[in-house]
Structures are given as C-alpha cells and as structure tokens.
Amino acid sequence: MDSISLSAVMNSDDPAVGLRAVGALHRLAEQVEAAHVALARRQGWSWEQIGDALGVSRQSVHAKYGK
C-alpha cells in the first residue's frame, strides 16, 4: 500500500486494492494499539483506564495484552 495513494485506493474499482488497504490499516492499528497499551502500563495506567480509553472492557484488554 505504500506505493499507492489513499486517493487511488478510495477511487479504485478493484476490490483487491481496497481489501489489501484494509488489511494494512488493521495491522497498523494493532501495532499502534499495542505500543500505546504498553506505554500506558509503563506509566501506571490501570487495565480499566486503558479499556475505557479504547472503548472496551478492562477484561478484554487485559486478556489481549496482560501477558
């Protein structure tokens, strides 16, 4: 997706182009989330605070990142 502009993806008639872009965005979102959850934990945030910020339960965020 790096070599294709966002405009090109949005205007493409090829579902493969759009779906690859969606996959790349999901992977990027997971990386950003993981980095910031780790940062929040290092700064002393509770699982409840992190869950609230993400719009999910503390249990779900702990299950995903509490290892």
C-alpha atoms as a PDB file:
ATOM      1  CA  MET A   1       0.000   0.000   0.000  1.00  0.00           C
ATOM      2  CA  ASP A   2       2.988   2.285   0.441  1.00  0.00           C
ATOM      3  CA  SER A   3       3.251   2.994  -3.260  1.00  0.00           C
ATOM      4  CA  ILE A   4      -0.490   3.637  -3.735  1.00  0.00           C
ATOM      5  CA  SER A   5      -2.001   6.888  -2.506  1.00  0.00           C
ATOM      6  CA  LEU A   6      -5.062   6.918  -0.299  1.00  0.00           C
ATOM      7  CA  SER A   7      -6.936   8.716  -3.073  1.00  0.00           C
ATOM      8  CA  ALA A   8      -6.054   5.951  -5.531  1.00  0.00           C
ATOM      9  CA  VAL A   9      -7.259   3.298  -3.091  1.00  0.00           C
ATOM     10  CA  MET A  10     -10.532   5.110  -2.432  1.00  0.00           C
ATOM     11  CA  ASN A  11     -11.178   5.616  -6.145  1.00  0.00           C
ATOM     12  CA  SER A  12     -10.159   2.142  -7.266  1.00  0.00           C
ATOM     13  CA  ASP A  13     -12.700  -0.156  -8.869  1.00  0.00           C
ATOM     14  CA  ASP A  14     -10.590  -3.164  -7.864  1.00  0.00           C
ATOM     15  CA  PRO A  15     -11.784  -4.772  -4.624  1.00  0.00           C
ATOM     16  CA  ALA A  16      -8.345  -6.358  -4.152  1.00  0.00           C
ATOM     17  CA  VAL A  17      -6.771  -2.900  -3.871  1.00  0.00           C
ATOM     18  CA  GLY A  18      -9.260  -1.793  -1.235  1.00  0.00           C
ATOM     19  CA  LEU A  19      -9.130  -5.037   0.711  1.00  0.00           C
ATOM     20  CA  ARG A  20      -5.320  -5.025   0.817  1.00  0.00           C
ATOM     21  CA  ALA A  21      -5.510  -1.464   2.117  1.00  0.00           C
ATOM     22  CA  VAL A  22      -7.985  -2.512   4.815  1.00  0.00           C
ATOM     23  CA  GLY A  23      -5.650  -5.320   5.874  1.00  0.00           C
ATOM     24  CA  ALA A  24      -2.715  -2.908   6.070  1.00  0.00           C
ATOM     25  CA  LEU A  25      -4.773  -0.466   8.133  1.00  0.00           C
ATOM     26  CA  HIS A  26      -5.828  -3.224  10.539  1.00  0.00           C
ATOM     27  CA  ARG A  27      -2.201  -4.270  11.022  1.00  0.00           C
ATOM     28  CA  LEU A  28      -1.146  -0.663  11.594  1.00  0.00           C
ATOM     29  CA  ALA A  29      -3.972  -0.100  14.095  1.00  0.00           C
ATOM     30  CA  GLU A  30      -2.930  -3.238  16.025  1.00  0.00           C
ATOM     31  CA  GLN A  31       0.676  -2.030  16.175  1.00  0.00           C
ATOM     32  CA  VAL A  32      -0.321   1.458  17.366  1.00  0.00           C
ATOM     33  CA  GLU A  33      -2.706  -0.004  19.957  1.00  0.00           C
ATOM     34  CA  ALA A  34      -0.100  -2.425  21.320  1.00  0.00           C
ATOM     35  CA  ALA A  35       2.541   0.291  21.585  1.00  0.00           C
ATOM     36  CA  HIS A  36       0.233   2.653  23.441  1.00  0.00           C
ATOM     37  CA  VAL A  37      -1.166  -0.007  25.748  1.00  0.00           C
ATOM     38  CA  ALA A  38       2.433  -0.846  26.711  1.00  0.00           C
ATOM     39  CA  LEU A  39       3.187   2.849  27.211  1.00  0.00           C
ATOM     40  CA  ALA A  40       0.098   3.325  29.357  1.00  0.00           C
ATOM     41  CA  ARG A  41       1.046   0.327  31.521  1.00  0.00           C
ATOM     42  CA  ARG A  42       4.595   1.669  31.956  1.00  0.00           C
ATOM     43  CA  GLN A  43       3.065   4.970  33.069  1.00  0.00           C
ATOM     44  CA  GLY A  44       0.925   3.201  35.654  1.00  0.00           C
ATOM     45  CA  TRP A  45      -2.445   3.151  33.946  1.00  0.00           C
ATOM     46  CA  SER A  46      -4.878   0.519  35.161  1.00  0.00           C
ATOM     47  CA  TRP A  47      -6.455  -2.002  32.822  1.00  0.00           C
ATOM     48  CA  GLU A  48      -9.755  -0.233  33.472  1.00  0.00           C
ATOM     49  CA  GLN A  49      -8.352   3.124  32.323  1.00  0.00           C
ATOM     50  CA  ILE A  50      -6.907   1.551  29.184  1.00  0.00           C
ATOM     51  CA  GLY A  51     -10.157  -0.278  28.437  1.00  0.00           C
ATOM     52  CA  ASP A  52     -12.125   2.939  28.893  1.00  0.00           C
ATOM     53  CA  ALA A  53      -9.796   4.792  26.512  1.00  0.00           C
ATOM     54  CA  LEU A  54     -10.192   2.033  23.912  1.00  0.00           C
ATOM     55  CA  GLY A  55     -13.940   1.670  24.432  1.00  0.00           C
ATOM     56  CA  VAL A  56     -13.669  -1.944  25.598  1.00  0.00           C
ATOM     57  CA  SER A  57     -13.842  -3.745  28.926  1.00  0.00           C
ATOM     58  CA  ARG A  58     -10.824  -3.994  31.203  1.00  0.00           C
ATOM     59  CA  GLN A  59     -11.158  -7.764  30.955  1.00  0.00           C
ATOM     60  CA  SER A  60     -10.861  -7.795  27.179  1.00  0.00           C
ATOM     61  CA  VAL A  61      -7.841  -5.501  27.073  1.00  0.00           C
ATOM     62  CA  HIS A  62      -6.170  -7.475  29.873  1.00  0.00           C
ATOM     63  CA  ALA A  63      -6.842 -10.752  28.060  1.00  0.00           C
ATOM     64  CA  LYS A  64      -5.256  -9.336  24.912  1.00  0.00           C
ATOM     65  CA  TYR A  65      -2.228  -7.585  26.439  1.00  0.00           C
ATOM     66  CA  GLY A  66      -1.855  -8.791  30.033  1.00  0.00           C
ATOM     67  CA  LYS A  67       0.710 -11.473  29.332  1.00  0.00           C
END
